[in-house]
Amino acid sequence: MNPKHPWGVRLGVGVAMLVLAFIGIVVTNILATGGWAYWRAMVPIYAAMALWLSWYMRRTTDVVRPVTIWHELLHWVGLFFMIFLVEIYLHSGLLSRNQASLVALTLLSLTVFTIGVYIESTFILIGIVLGVFAAIVAVAIQYLYAFTIPALLIGIGIISYMIWFSHQKMTK
């Protein structure tokens, strides 16, 4: 592995996030409660993976940027706060558990996408795939697996290609 371009780590985190999202779609589809607890539990897991990858990618640089670390932490704290608000909506009866899980997935997809825009480009595609998953759950639930499995595989393929391509550029 080239220490200047840890493609394997980026690929591993990206695939893990997509697989966890696919499992969440299955859980959301199977459980009558809509998988609310699953998506709520995924928020800190995604945050930890994203923060760890960001640290891992920058661990060998000579420049310490505490502003970036605080920006990333605040970015994820914002998502935690939004999930808390969804919990309030759920308990007040404004949302069902199924709707709350869909909102949580949508918020997670936006958060992952925007962290990709500002910190690590791998997350842009992951955020898009999560958004596609949310749209599929909302619109085409009867064709859920016919759409989500190809979206998962295409997302993994594109992430693999992006990482491979940037690794090839670094080695030349």
N, C-alpha and C. Protein backbone atom coordinates (compact mmCIF):
# COMPACT_ATOMS: atom_id res chain seq x y z
N MET A 1 0.84 -1.18 0.00
CA MET A 1 0.00 0.00 0.00
C MET A 1 0.88 1.24 0.00
N ASN A 2 0.56 2.16 -0.83
CA ASN A 2 1.27 3.42 -0.91
C ASN A 2 0.82 4.30 0.26
N PRO A 3 1.72 4.71 1.16
CA PRO A 3 1.30 5.50 2.30
C PRO A 3 0.71 6.85 1.92
N LYS A 4 1.04 7.35 0.73
CA LYS A 4 0.47 8.63 0.30
C LYS A 4 -0.96 8.49 -0.19
N HIS A 5 -1.39 7.27 -0.51
CA HIS A 5 -2.74 7.06 -1.00
C HIS A 5 -3.28 5.74 -0.46
N PRO A 6 -3.89 5.75 0.71
CA PRO A 6 -4.39 4.52 1.31
C PRO A 6 -5.72 4.08 0.68
N TRP A 7 -5.65 3.61 -0.55
CA TRP A 7 -6.85 3.25 -1.30
C TRP A 7 -7.61 2.11 -0.64
N GLY A 8 -6.93 1.17 -0.05
CA GLY A 8 -7.61 0.03 0.57
C GLY A 8 -8.48 0.45 1.75
N VAL A 9 -8.00 1.40 2.52
CA VAL A 9 -8.76 1.88 3.67
C VAL A 9 -9.99 2.66 3.21
N ARG A 10 -9.82 3.50 2.22
CA ARG A 10 -10.97 4.25 1.67
C ARG A 10 -12.02 3.30 1.11
N LEU A 11 -11.55 2.30 0.39
CA LEU A 11 -12.48 1.32 -0.18
C LEU A 11 -13.19 0.54 0.92
N GLY A 12 -12.44 0.13 1.94
CA GLY A 12 -13.04 -0.64 3.03
C GLY A 12 -14.12 0.14 3.76
N VAL A 13 -13.84 1.40 4.08
CA VAL A 13 -14.83 2.22 4.78
C VAL A 13 -16.03 2.47 3.87
N GLY A 14 -15.78 2.76 2.60
CA GLY A 14 -16.89 3.00 1.67
C GLY A 14 -17.79 1.80 1.51
N VAL A 15 -17.21 0.63 1.32
CA VAL A 15 -18.00 -0.59 1.16
C VAL A 15 -18.74 -0.90 2.45
N ALA A 16 -18.07 -0.72 3.59
CA ALA A 16 -18.74 -0.98 4.88
C ALA A 16 -19.97 -0.08 5.05
N MET A 17 -19.83 1.19 4.69
CA MET A 17 -20.97 2.10 4.81
C MET A 17 -22.12 1.68 3.90
N LEU A 18 -21.79 1.29 2.67
CA LEU A 18 -22.84 0.89 1.74
C LEU A 18 -23.51 -0.41 2.17
N VAL A 19 -22.73 -1.36 2.67
CA VAL A 19 -23.31 -2.62 3.13
C VAL A 19 -24.20 -2.38 4.36
N LEU A 20 -23.74 -1.54 5.30
CA LEU A 20 -24.58 -1.21 6.45
C LEU A 20 -25.88 -0.53 6.02
N ALA A 21 -25.80 0.31 5.00
CA ALA A 21 -27.01 0.96 4.49
C ALA A 21 -27.94 -0.06 3.86
N PHE A 22 -27.40 -1.01 3.11
CA PHE A 22 -28.24 -2.04 2.50
C PHE A 22 -28.91 -2.88 3.59
N ILE A 23 -28.17 -3.24 4.62
CA ILE A 23 -28.75 -3.99 5.73
C ILE A 23 -29.88 -3.16 6.37
N GLY A 24 -29.65 -1.87 6.49
CA GLY A 24 -30.68 -0.99 7.03
C GLY A 24 -31.93 -0.96 6.18
N ILE A 25 -31.77 -0.99 4.87
CA ILE A 25 -32.93 -1.04 3.97
C ILE A 25 -33.71 -2.34 4.19
N VAL A 26 -32.99 -3.44 4.32
CA VAL A 26 -33.64 -4.73 4.57
C VAL A 26 -34.37 -4.69 5.91
N VAL A 27 -33.71 -4.19 6.94
CA VAL A 27 -34.33 -4.08 8.27
C VAL A 27 -35.56 -3.19 8.21
N THR A 28 -35.45 -2.07 7.53
CA THR A 28 -36.57 -1.14 7.39
C THR A 28 -37.74 -1.80 6.68
N ASN A 29 -37.46 -2.62 5.70
CA ASN A 29 -38.49 -3.31 4.94
C ASN A 29 -39.15 -4.42 5.75
N ILE A 30 -38.37 -5.13 6.54
CA ILE A 30 -38.88 -6.30 7.26
C ILE A 30 -39.63 -5.91 8.53
N LEU A 31 -39.10 -4.97 9.30
CA LEU A 31 -39.68 -4.63 10.60
C LEU A 31 -40.86 -3.68 10.45
N ALA A 32 -41.90 -3.94 11.20
CA ALA A 32 -43.07 -3.07 11.19
C ALA A 32 -42.75 -1.69 11.76
N THR A 33 -41.74 -1.63 12.62
CA THR A 33 -41.36 -0.34 13.22
C THR A 33 -40.51 0.49 12.27
N GLY A 34 -40.19 -0.05 11.11
CA GLY A 34 -39.48 0.72 10.10
C GLY A 34 -37.99 0.84 10.30
N GLY A 35 -37.42 0.13 11.21
CA GLY A 35 -35.98 0.18 11.38
C GLY A 35 -35.47 1.46 12.03
N TRP A 36 -36.35 2.18 12.73
CA TRP A 36 -35.95 3.43 13.37
C TRP A 36 -34.75 3.24 14.28
N ALA A 37 -34.77 2.20 15.11
CA ALA A 37 -33.66 1.96 16.04
C ALA A 37 -32.37 1.68 15.27
N TYR A 38 -32.48 0.97 14.15
CA TYR A 38 -31.28 0.66 13.35
C TYR A 38 -30.64 1.95 12.83
N TRP A 39 -31.44 2.82 12.21
CA TRP A 39 -30.89 4.04 11.62
C TRP A 39 -30.37 4.97 12.69
N ARG A 40 -31.04 5.00 13.84
CA ARG A 40 -30.55 5.82 14.95
C ARG A 40 -29.19 5.30 15.42
N ALA A 41 -29.03 3.99 15.45
CA ALA A 41 -27.75 3.39 15.86
C ALA A 41 -26.67 3.61 14.80
N MET A 42 -27.05 3.73 13.55
CA MET A 42 -26.06 3.91 12.48
C MET A 42 -25.41 5.29 12.51
N VAL A 43 -26.09 6.28 13.05
CA VAL A 43 -25.54 7.64 13.06
C VAL A 43 -24.17 7.69 13.74
N PRO A 44 -24.03 7.20 14.98
CA PRO A 44 -22.68 7.26 15.57
C PRO A 44 -21.68 6.34 14.88
N ILE A 45 -22.15 5.25 14.30
CA ILE A 45 -21.24 4.33 13.59
C ILE A 45 -20.69 5.01 12.34
N TYR A 46 -21.57 5.64 11.55
CA TYR A 46 -21.11 6.37 10.36
C TYR A 46 -20.20 7.53 10.76
N ALA A 47 -20.56 8.24 11.82
CA ALA A 47 -19.72 9.35 12.28
C ALA A 47 -18.34 8.85 12.65
N ALA A 48 -18.29 7.74 13.39
CA ALA A 48 -16.99 7.19 13.81
C ALA A 48 -16.17 6.75 12.60
N MET A 49 -16.82 6.10 11.63
CA MET A 49 -16.08 5.66 10.44
C MET A 49 -15.55 6.85 9.65
N ALA A 50 -16.38 7.88 9.49
CA ALA A 50 -15.96 9.05 8.72
C ALA A 50 -14.84 9.81 9.43
N LEU A 51 -14.99 10.01 10.74
CA LEU A 51 -13.95 10.70 11.49
C LEU A 51 -12.66 9.91 11.51
N TRP A 52 -12.77 8.59 11.65
CA TRP A 52 -11.57 7.76 11.65
C TRP A 52 -10.87 7.82 10.29
N LEU A 53 -11.64 7.72 9.19
CA LEU A 53 -11.02 7.78 7.87
C LEU A 53 -10.36 9.13 7.65
N SER A 54 -11.01 10.19 8.07
CA SER A 54 -10.43 11.52 7.93
C SER A 54 -9.11 11.61 8.70
N TRP A 55 -9.11 11.12 9.93
CA TRP A 55 -7.88 11.12 10.72
C TRP A 55 -6.82 10.26 10.04
N TYR A 56 -7.21 9.08 9.57
CA TYR A 56 -6.27 8.15 8.95
C TYR A 56 -5.62 8.76 7.71
N MET A 57 -6.41 9.45 6.92
CA MET A 57 -5.90 10.06 5.69
C MET A 57 -4.93 11.20 5.99
N ARG A 58 -5.07 11.85 7.14
CA ARG A 58 -4.25 13.01 7.46
C ARG A 58 -3.23 12.75 8.56
N ARG A 59 -3.11 11.54 9.02
CA ARG A 59 -2.26 11.24 10.18
C ARG A 59 -0.78 11.45 9.91
N THR A 60 -0.35 11.36 8.66
CA THR A 60 1.07 11.49 8.36
C THR A 60 1.45 12.89 7.89
N THR A 61 0.49 13.79 7.81
CA THR A 61 0.83 15.14 7.37
C THR A 61 1.49 15.90 8.50
N ASP A 62 2.36 16.81 8.13
CA ASP A 62 3.08 17.61 9.12
C ASP A 62 2.21 18.74 9.67
N VAL A 63 1.19 19.11 8.91
CA VAL A 63 0.35 20.23 9.31
C VAL A 63 -0.83 19.70 10.14
N VAL A 64 -0.94 20.17 11.35
CA VAL A 64 -2.07 19.80 12.20
C VAL A 64 -3.13 20.88 12.03
N ARG A 65 -4.32 20.44 11.64
CA ARG A 65 -5.40 21.40 11.40
C ARG A 65 -6.54 21.15 12.36
N PRO A 66 -6.50 21.74 13.55
CA PRO A 66 -7.58 21.51 14.51
C PRO A 66 -8.91 22.07 14.04
N VAL A 67 -8.87 23.09 13.17
CA VAL A 67 -10.12 23.65 12.65
C VAL A 67 -10.88 22.60 11.88
N THR A 68 -10.20 21.83 11.06
CA THR A 68 -10.85 20.78 10.29
C THR A 68 -11.47 19.74 11.22
N ILE A 69 -10.76 19.37 12.26
CA ILE A 69 -11.28 18.39 13.20
C ILE A 69 -12.56 18.92 13.85
N TRP A 70 -12.54 20.18 14.27
CA TRP A 70 -13.73 20.75 14.89
C TRP A 70 -14.87 20.91 13.90
N HIS A 71 -14.55 21.25 12.67
CA HIS A 71 -15.60 21.33 11.63
C HIS A 71 -16.26 19.98 11.44
N GLU A 72 -15.45 18.94 11.35
CA GLU A 72 -16.01 17.60 11.16
C GLU A 72 -16.85 17.18 12.36
N LEU A 73 -16.34 17.42 13.56
CA LEU A 73 -17.11 17.05 14.75
C LEU A 73 -18.43 17.81 14.82
N LEU A 74 -18.40 19.10 14.53
CA LEU A 74 -19.65 19.88 14.54
C LEU A 74 -20.61 19.43 13.45
N HIS A 75 -20.07 19.03 12.34
CA HIS A 75 -20.90 18.51 11.26
C HIS A 75 -21.70 17.30 11.75
N TRP A 76 -21.04 16.38 12.43
CA TRP A 76 -21.71 15.18 12.93
C TRP A 76 -22.59 15.48 14.13
N VAL A 77 -22.21 16.44 14.96
CA VAL A 77 -23.06 16.84 16.09
C VAL A 77 -24.38 17.40 15.55
N GLY A 78 -24.31 18.12 14.43
CA GLY A 78 -25.53 18.61 13.79
C GLY A 78 -26.47 17.49 13.42
N LEU A 79 -25.93 16.40 12.90
CA LEU A 79 -26.78 15.24 12.57
C LEU A 79 -27.37 14.63 13.84
N PHE A 80 -26.56 14.50 14.89
CA PHE A 80 -27.08 13.96 16.16
C PHE A 80 -28.25 14.81 16.65
N PHE A 81 -28.13 16.12 16.54
CA PHE A 81 -29.20 17.01 16.97
C PHE A 81 -30.45 16.82 16.10
N MET A 82 -30.27 16.68 14.81
CA MET A 82 -31.41 16.47 13.92
C MET A 82 -32.12 15.14 14.21
N ILE A 83 -31.36 14.11 14.52
CA ILE A 83 -31.95 12.82 14.88
C ILE A 83 -32.73 12.96 16.18
N PHE A 84 -32.21 13.76 17.12
CA PHE A 84 -32.93 14.04 18.36
C PHE A 84 -34.26 14.73 18.05
N LEU A 85 -34.26 15.68 17.12
CA LEU A 85 -35.51 16.35 16.73
C LEU A 85 -36.49 15.36 16.11
N VAL A 86 -36.00 14.45 15.29
CA VAL A 86 -36.87 13.43 14.70
C VAL A 86 -37.47 12.56 15.81
N GLU A 87 -36.67 12.26 16.83
CA GLU A 87 -37.16 11.50 17.99
C GLU A 87 -38.30 12.26 18.68
N ILE A 88 -38.17 13.57 18.80
CA ILE A 88 -39.23 14.38 19.40
C ILE A 88 -40.49 14.31 18.54
N TYR A 89 -40.32 14.43 17.22
CA TYR A 89 -41.47 14.32 16.31
C TYR A 89 -42.14 12.96 16.43
N LEU A 90 -41.34 11.94 16.58
CA LEU A 90 -41.86 10.58 16.71
C LEU A 90 -42.68 10.45 17.99
N HIS A 91 -42.14 10.91 19.10
CA HIS A 91 -42.84 10.77 20.38
C HIS A 91 -44.05 11.68 20.49
N SER A 92 -44.08 12.76 19.73
CA SER A 92 -45.25 13.64 19.76
C SER A 92 -46.34 13.17 18.80
N GLY A 93 -46.04 12.15 18.01
CA GLY A 93 -47.04 11.61 17.10
C GLY A 93 -47.04 12.22 15.72
N LEU A 94 -46.13 13.14 15.44
CA LEU A 94 -46.07 13.75 14.12
C LEU A 94 -45.54 12.79 13.06
N LEU A 95 -44.68 11.85 13.47
CA LEU A 95 -44.11 10.87 12.55
C LEU A 95 -44.32 9.47 13.11
N SER A 96 -44.51 8.52 12.20
CA SER A 96 -44.51 7.11 12.60
C SER A 96 -43.07 6.63 12.63
N ARG A 97 -42.84 5.45 13.17
CA ARG A 97 -41.48 4.90 13.20
C ARG A 97 -40.95 4.68 11.78
N ASN A 98 -41.82 4.25 10.89
CA ASN A 98 -41.40 4.04 9.50
C ASN A 98 -40.99 5.36 8.85
N GLN A 99 -41.79 6.39 9.06
CA GLN A 99 -41.44 7.71 8.52
C GLN A 99 -40.17 8.25 9.16
N ALA A 100 -40.02 8.05 10.46
CA ALA A 100 -38.83 8.53 11.16
C ALA A 100 -37.58 7.84 10.63
N SER A 101 -37.68 6.55 10.33
CA SER A 101 -36.50 5.85 9.79
C SER A 101 -36.15 6.38 8.41
N LEU A 102 -37.13 6.72 7.62
CA LEU A 102 -36.87 7.29 6.30
C LEU A 102 -36.25 8.69 6.41
N VAL A 103 -36.73 9.48 7.35
CA VAL A 103 -36.14 10.81 7.59
C VAL A 103 -34.70 10.65 8.07
N ALA A 104 -34.46 9.70 8.97
CA ALA A 104 -33.10 9.48 9.47
C ALA A 104 -32.16 9.08 8.34
N LEU A 105 -32.62 8.21 7.46
CA LEU A 105 -31.80 7.81 6.31
C LEU A 105 -31.52 9.01 5.40
N THR A 106 -32.52 9.84 5.18
CA THR A 106 -32.34 11.02 4.35
C THR A 106 -31.34 11.99 4.99
N LEU A 107 -31.45 12.22 6.28
CA LEU A 107 -30.50 13.09 6.98
C LEU A 107 -29.09 12.52 6.94
N LEU A 108 -28.99 11.21 7.12
CA LEU A 108 -27.68 10.56 7.07
C LEU A 108 -27.07 10.70 5.68
N SER A 109 -27.90 10.54 4.64
CA SER A 109 -27.37 10.66 3.27
C SER A 109 -26.87 12.07 3.01
N LEU A 110 -27.59 13.07 3.47
CA LEU A 110 -27.15 14.47 3.28
C LEU A 110 -25.87 14.74 4.05
N THR A 111 -25.80 14.25 5.27
CA THR A 111 -24.61 14.47 6.10
C THR A 111 -23.38 13.81 5.48
N VAL A 112 -23.53 12.58 5.02
CA VAL A 112 -22.41 11.87 4.40
C VAL A 112 -22.00 12.58 3.10
N PHE A 113 -22.98 13.00 2.32
CA PHE A 113 -22.68 13.71 1.07
C PHE A 113 -21.89 15.00 1.35
N THR A 114 -22.36 15.80 2.30
CA THR A 114 -21.68 17.07 2.54
C THR A 114 -20.30 16.88 3.18
N ILE A 115 -20.12 15.86 3.98
CA ILE A 115 -18.78 15.60 4.51
C ILE A 115 -17.86 15.19 3.35
N GLY A 116 -18.45 14.57 2.33
CA GLY A 116 -17.68 14.23 1.13
C GLY A 116 -17.28 15.46 0.34
N VAL A 117 -18.14 16.44 0.29
CA VAL A 117 -17.84 17.67 -0.43
C VAL A 117 -16.68 18.40 0.23
N TYR A 118 -16.65 18.43 1.55
CA TYR A 118 -15.67 19.23 2.27
C TYR A 118 -14.44 18.47 2.76
N ILE A 119 -14.56 17.18 3.01
CA ILE A 119 -13.45 16.48 3.67
C ILE A 119 -12.87 15.36 2.80
N GLU A 120 -13.68 14.38 2.45
CA GLU A 120 -13.18 13.19 1.76
C GLU A 120 -14.13 12.84 0.63
N SER A 121 -13.67 12.96 -0.61
CA SER A 121 -14.54 12.81 -1.78
C SER A 121 -15.20 11.45 -1.90
N THR A 122 -14.67 10.44 -1.29
CA THR A 122 -15.28 9.11 -1.33
C THR A 122 -16.72 9.16 -0.80
N PHE A 123 -16.96 10.03 0.16
CA PHE A 123 -18.27 10.09 0.79
C PHE A 123 -19.34 10.73 -0.09
N ILE A 124 -18.95 11.44 -1.12
CA ILE A 124 -19.95 12.04 -2.02
C ILE A 124 -20.81 10.95 -2.63
N LEU A 125 -20.19 9.95 -3.22
CA LEU A 125 -20.95 8.88 -3.84
C LEU A 125 -21.74 8.08 -2.81
N ILE A 126 -21.17 7.86 -1.65
CA ILE A 126 -21.89 7.12 -0.61
C ILE A 126 -23.15 7.87 -0.22
N GLY A 127 -23.05 9.19 -0.07
CA GLY A 127 -24.22 10.00 0.24
C GLY A 127 -25.27 9.92 -0.86
N ILE A 128 -24.83 9.92 -2.11
CA ILE A 128 -25.77 9.80 -3.23
C ILE A 128 -26.47 8.45 -3.19
N VAL A 129 -25.72 7.38 -2.97
CA VAL A 129 -26.32 6.04 -2.92
C VAL A 129 -27.31 5.96 -1.75
N LEU A 130 -26.97 6.53 -0.61
CA LEU A 130 -27.91 6.54 0.52
C LEU A 130 -29.19 7.29 0.15
N GLY A 131 -29.03 8.40 -0.56
CA GLY A 131 -30.20 9.14 -1.01
C GLY A 131 -31.05 8.34 -1.98
N VAL A 132 -30.39 7.60 -2.87
CA VAL A 132 -31.12 6.72 -3.80
C VAL A 132 -31.88 5.65 -3.01
N PHE A 133 -31.21 5.08 -2.01
CA PHE A 133 -31.89 4.09 -1.16
C PHE A 133 -33.14 4.70 -0.51
N ALA A 134 -33.02 5.92 0.00
CA ALA A 134 -34.17 6.57 0.64
C ALA A 134 -35.30 6.79 -0.37
N ALA A 135 -34.95 7.20 -1.57
CA ALA A 135 -35.97 7.41 -2.61
C ALA A 135 -36.64 6.09 -2.99
N ILE A 136 -35.85 5.04 -3.09
CA ILE A 136 -36.41 3.73 -3.43
C ILE A 136 -37.38 3.26 -2.35
N VAL A 137 -37.00 3.42 -1.10
CA VAL A 137 -37.87 3.02 0.00
C VAL A 137 -39.17 3.82 -0.04
N ALA A 138 -39.08 5.10 -0.35
CA ALA A 138 -40.26 5.97 -0.36
C ALA A 138 -41.17 5.72 -1.55
N VAL A 139 -40.60 5.40 -2.70
CA VAL A 139 -41.39 5.36 -3.93
C VAL A 139 -41.68 3.94 -4.42
N ALA A 140 -40.68 3.11 -4.41
CA ALA A 140 -40.81 1.81 -5.06
C ALA A 140 -40.60 0.65 -4.10
N ILE A 141 -41.32 0.67 -2.98
CA ILE A 141 -41.10 -0.34 -1.95
C ILE A 141 -41.36 -1.76 -2.46
N GLN A 142 -42.29 -1.93 -3.39
CA GLN A 142 -42.57 -3.27 -3.89
C GLN A 142 -41.44 -3.81 -4.77
N TYR A 143 -40.60 -2.92 -5.28
CA TYR A 143 -39.45 -3.32 -6.10
C TYR A 143 -38.13 -3.05 -5.38
N LEU A 144 -38.19 -3.02 -4.05
CA LEU A 144 -37.06 -2.61 -3.23
C LEU A 144 -35.76 -3.29 -3.61
N TYR A 145 -35.74 -4.61 -3.62
CA TYR A 145 -34.49 -5.32 -3.85
C TYR A 145 -34.06 -5.27 -5.32
N ALA A 146 -35.01 -5.12 -6.22
CA ALA A 146 -34.66 -5.02 -7.64
C ALA A 146 -33.88 -3.73 -7.91
N PHE A 147 -34.09 -2.69 -7.10
CA PHE A 147 -33.38 -1.43 -7.28
C PHE A 147 -32.19 -1.27 -6.35
N THR A 148 -32.33 -1.71 -5.09
CA THR A 148 -31.27 -1.44 -4.12
C THR A 148 -30.03 -2.30 -4.34
N ILE A 149 -30.21 -3.55 -4.75
CA ILE A 149 -29.03 -4.40 -4.98
C ILE A 149 -28.19 -3.85 -6.13
N PRO A 150 -28.79 -3.51 -7.28
CA PRO A 150 -27.96 -2.89 -8.32
C PRO A 150 -27.35 -1.55 -7.88
N ALA A 151 -28.09 -0.73 -7.12
CA ALA A 151 -27.54 0.54 -6.64
C ALA A 151 -26.34 0.28 -5.72
N LEU A 152 -26.45 -0.73 -4.87
CA LEU A 152 -25.34 -1.09 -3.99
C LEU A 152 -24.12 -1.53 -4.79
N LEU A 153 -24.33 -2.41 -5.75
CA LEU A 153 -23.22 -2.92 -6.56
C LEU A 153 -22.60 -1.83 -7.44
N ILE A 154 -23.44 -0.99 -8.02
CA ILE A 154 -22.93 0.12 -8.84
C ILE A 154 -22.13 1.09 -7.96
N GLY A 155 -22.66 1.39 -6.77
CA GLY A 155 -21.94 2.28 -5.85
C GLY A 155 -20.59 1.72 -5.46
N ILE A 156 -20.54 0.44 -5.12
CA ILE A 156 -19.27 -0.20 -4.77
C ILE A 156 -18.32 -0.17 -5.96
N GLY A 157 -18.85 -0.45 -7.14
CA GLY A 157 -18.02 -0.43 -8.35
C GLY A 157 -17.45 0.94 -8.65
N ILE A 158 -18.27 1.97 -8.53
CA ILE A 158 -17.80 3.32 -8.82
C ILE A 158 -16.78 3.77 -7.78
N ILE A 159 -17.04 3.47 -6.51
CA ILE A 159 -16.07 3.82 -5.47
C ILE A 159 -14.75 3.11 -5.74
N SER A 160 -14.83 1.83 -6.08
CA SER A 160 -13.61 1.07 -6.38
C SER A 160 -12.86 1.69 -7.54
N TYR A 161 -13.57 2.06 -8.60
CA TYR A 161 -12.93 2.67 -9.76
C TYR A 161 -12.30 4.01 -9.40
N MET A 162 -13.05 4.85 -8.66
CA MET A 162 -12.52 6.17 -8.28
C MET A 162 -11.23 6.02 -7.48
N ILE A 163 -11.24 5.11 -6.54
CA ILE A 163 -10.07 4.92 -5.69
C ILE A 163 -8.92 4.32 -6.50
N TRP A 164 -9.22 3.34 -7.35
CA TRP A 164 -8.19 2.72 -8.18
C TRP A 164 -7.58 3.77 -9.11
N PHE A 165 -8.45 4.59 -9.73
CA PHE A 165 -7.97 5.60 -10.67
C PHE A 165 -7.07 6.62 -9.96
N SER A 166 -7.49 7.09 -8.78
CA SER A 166 -6.64 8.06 -8.09
C SER A 166 -5.37 7.41 -7.58
N HIS A 167 -5.40 6.12 -7.27
CA HIS A 167 -4.19 5.40 -6.87
C HIS A 167 -3.22 5.28 -8.06
N GLN A 168 -3.77 5.04 -9.24
CA GLN A 168 -2.95 4.95 -10.44
C GLN A 168 -2.28 6.29 -10.75
N LYS A 169 -3.01 7.39 -10.56
CA LYS A 169 -2.44 8.71 -10.77
C LYS A 169 -1.31 9.00 -9.79
N MET A 170 -1.45 8.52 -8.57
CA MET A 170 -0.43 8.76 -7.54
C MET A 170 0.84 7.95 -7.80
N THR A 171 0.70 6.78 -8.42
CA THR A 171 1.87 5.94 -8.63
C THR A 171 2.64 6.32 -9.89
N LYS A 172 2.06 7.15 -10.74
CA LYS A 172 2.76 7.55 -11.99
C LYS A 172 3.60 8.75 -11.76
